Every structure is written in structure tokens, then in C-alpha cells.
């Protein structure tokens, strides 16, 4: 049984060393992510967009003097919300040619011929 205990403790130590440490990705040292989390976020959106989310979260945490237990969950939620908003954008109405007003030039000509000026031009 002693060998089994030794093996279990070795396994526990191995899994801890496999976990990648979290790094701070902001100037305030408030947003911490593992490299794997950062890569997953970058695959969900562009790297530039992820950096903007990190900046946004960092400023909010600093302003409200808060700490975040899972920065990855917050940012991935924002990415998902923004993608959902983009897909919900209303389609703009494009009138079809038959909806466009039609102008009958003959009607305009009749109107112009019957149009009387209130002032007569004296020659």
C-alpha cells in the first residue's frame, strides 16, 4: 500500500506542473489568463478584439476596485454576446423596382401646359 500512496502523490505533483500558470495581460495586473485561455479567446475572435476586451475588463475592474475569479469566462461571454448581436441586426429594407415611384412624363407635360402663372409677363 505504501507504493500506491507514493504513486498518487507523484501523479498529483505531475498534474500541477502540467497546468500552465496564469499571466497578467493588462497594465493593472488584474486580468489573468493562461496561454491556452488566451489562444481559445483569440480563436473565438481576433487577437486585436481580445486585447480590447482585456483592456475593457481591466479598466472596469480597476475603476470598481474588483477582482475577477475567471477572466476567461467574462471575456468569452462578451464575445458570444457581441456575435449574437451582430447576427440579430435587422435587415434593411431595399425597395423593389415595382415599389419605386413611377413618373409619367405625359402627365407632367399636361400639368405644365395647363399651369397658369399668377403673374402675367408683360412684353
Protein backbone atom coordinates (compact mmCIF):
# COMPACT_ATOMS: atom_id res chain seq x y z
CA UNK A 1 0.00 0.00 0.00
CA UNK A 2 2.92 2.34 0.53
CA UNK A 3 3.76 2.17 -3.17
CA UNK A 4 0.23 3.17 -4.13
CA UNK A 5 0.39 6.27 -1.91
CA UNK A 6 3.72 7.29 -3.38
CA UNK A 7 2.34 6.91 -6.88
CA UNK A 8 -0.71 9.05 -6.11
CA UNK A 9 1.36 11.91 -4.74
CA UNK A 10 3.59 11.79 -7.79
CA UNK A 11 0.54 11.97 -10.03
CA UNK A 12 -0.81 14.98 -8.12
CA UNK A 13 2.51 16.77 -8.49
CA UNK A 14 2.63 15.94 -12.20
CA UNK A 15 -0.82 17.42 -12.86
CA UNK A 16 0.12 20.62 -11.06
CA UNK A 17 3.21 21.02 -13.22
CA UNK A 18 1.11 20.38 -16.36
CA UNK A 19 -1.24 23.25 -15.55
CA UNK A 20 0.01 26.35 -17.20
CA UNK A 21 0.38 29.37 -14.95
CA UNK A 22 -1.79 32.39 -15.45
CA UNK A 23 -0.19 35.55 -16.77
CA UNK A 24 -1.36 39.11 -16.46
CA UNK A 25 -2.33 40.56 -19.83
CA UNK A 26 -3.00 44.12 -18.71
CA UNK A 27 -1.14 47.05 -17.21
CA UNK A 28 -3.08 46.90 -13.94
CA UNK A 29 -2.26 43.20 -13.36
CA UNK A 30 -5.94 42.43 -12.88
CA UNK A 31 -6.72 40.29 -15.94
CA UNK A 32 -5.01 36.94 -15.72
CA UNK A 33 -5.32 34.16 -18.27
CA UNK A 34 -3.38 31.06 -19.16
CA UNK A 35 -1.80 30.95 -22.59
CA UNK A 36 -4.33 28.29 -23.55
CA UNK A 37 -7.26 30.52 -22.50
CA UNK A 38 -5.82 33.44 -24.45
CA UNK A 39 -5.45 31.23 -27.54
CA UNK A 40 -9.03 29.97 -27.20
CA UNK A 41 -10.31 33.54 -26.94
CA UNK A 42 -8.25 34.50 -29.99
CA UNK A 43 -9.83 31.66 -31.93
CA UNK A 44 -13.30 32.95 -30.99
CA UNK A 45 -12.46 36.47 -32.14
CA UNK A 46 -9.45 38.34 -33.50
CA UNK A 47 -6.42 38.91 -31.29
CA UNK A 48 -6.97 42.67 -31.54
CA UNK A 49 -10.55 42.27 -30.37
CA UNK A 50 -9.46 40.06 -27.45
CA UNK A 51 -6.92 42.71 -26.43
CA UNK A 52 -9.72 45.31 -26.47
CA UNK A 53 -11.85 43.08 -24.22
CA UNK A 54 -8.90 42.63 -21.84
CA UNK A 55 -8.38 46.41 -21.76
CA UNK A 56 -12.10 46.94 -21.12
CA UNK A 57 -12.20 44.37 -18.30
CA UNK A 58 -9.03 45.74 -16.75
CA UNK A 59 -10.39 49.28 -16.70
CA UNK A 60 -13.70 48.14 -15.21
CA UNK A 61 -12.01 46.07 -12.50
CA UNK A 62 -9.65 48.92 -11.66
CA UNK A 63 -12.42 51.52 -11.58
CA UNK A 64 -14.67 49.48 -9.32
CA UNK A 65 -11.80 48.00 -7.29
CA UNK A 66 -12.98 44.48 -8.01
CA UNK A 67 -11.28 41.18 -8.77
CA UNK A 68 -12.35 38.61 -11.29
CA UNK A 69 -12.38 34.91 -10.45
CA UNK A 70 -12.49 33.85 -14.11
CA UNK A 71 -11.46 36.49 -16.61
CA UNK A 72 -11.76 33.88 -19.36
CA UNK A 73 -15.47 33.32 -18.62
CA UNK A 74 -16.21 37.06 -18.64
CA UNK A 75 -14.41 37.75 -21.92
CA UNK A 76 -15.75 34.66 -23.68
CA UNK A 77 -19.25 35.70 -22.59
CA UNK A 78 -18.73 39.17 -24.08
CA UNK A 79 -17.52 37.66 -27.34
CA UNK A 80 -20.59 35.40 -27.52
CA UNK A 81 -22.94 38.33 -26.76
CA UNK A 82 -21.36 40.51 -29.44
CA UNK A 83 -21.60 37.72 -32.02
CA UNK A 84 -25.28 37.23 -31.14
CA UNK A 85 -25.94 40.97 -31.52
CA UNK A 86 -24.28 41.03 -34.91
CA UNK A 87 -26.44 38.16 -36.14
CA UNK A 88 -29.61 39.88 -34.87
CA UNK A 89 -29.04 43.08 -36.88
CA UNK A 90 -32.19 43.98 -38.77
CA UNK A 91 -32.14 43.58 -42.49
CA UNK A 92 -32.53 46.93 -44.15
CA UNK A 93 -35.49 47.30 -46.46
CA UNK A 94 -34.45 47.53 -50.07
CA UNK A 95 -37.41 48.59 -52.20
CA UNK A 96 -38.07 46.51 -55.24
CA UNK A 97 -38.34 48.24 -58.64
CA UNK A 98 -42.11 47.87 -58.63
CA UNK A 99 -42.29 49.71 -55.27
CA UNK A 100 -40.33 52.64 -56.66
CA UNK A 101 -42.44 55.62 -57.68
CA UNK A 102 -43.14 55.79 -61.35
CA UNK A 103 -43.25 59.11 -63.14
CA UNK A 104 -45.49 59.50 -66.15
CA UNK A 105 -43.93 62.19 -68.32
CA UNK A 106 -47.17 62.70 -70.24
CA UNK A 107 -48.94 63.66 -67.01
CA UNK A 108 -46.19 66.16 -66.20
CA UNK A 109 -46.48 67.67 -69.66
CA UNK A 110 -50.28 68.09 -69.33
CA UNK A 111 -49.83 69.70 -65.96
CA UNK A 112 -47.22 72.10 -67.33
CA UNK A 113 -49.42 73.07 -70.31
CA UNK A 114 -52.39 73.85 -68.03
CA UNK A 115 -50.37 75.62 -65.40
CA UNK A 116 -51.21 79.30 -65.18
CA UNK A 117 -48.85 81.79 -63.77
CA UNK A 118 -50.33 84.14 -61.24
CA UNK A 119 -48.39 86.96 -62.78
CA UNK A 120 -48.51 87.57 -66.47
CA UNK A 121 -45.29 88.56 -68.13
CA UNK A 122 -45.70 91.84 -69.95
CA UNK A 123 -43.83 92.28 -73.18
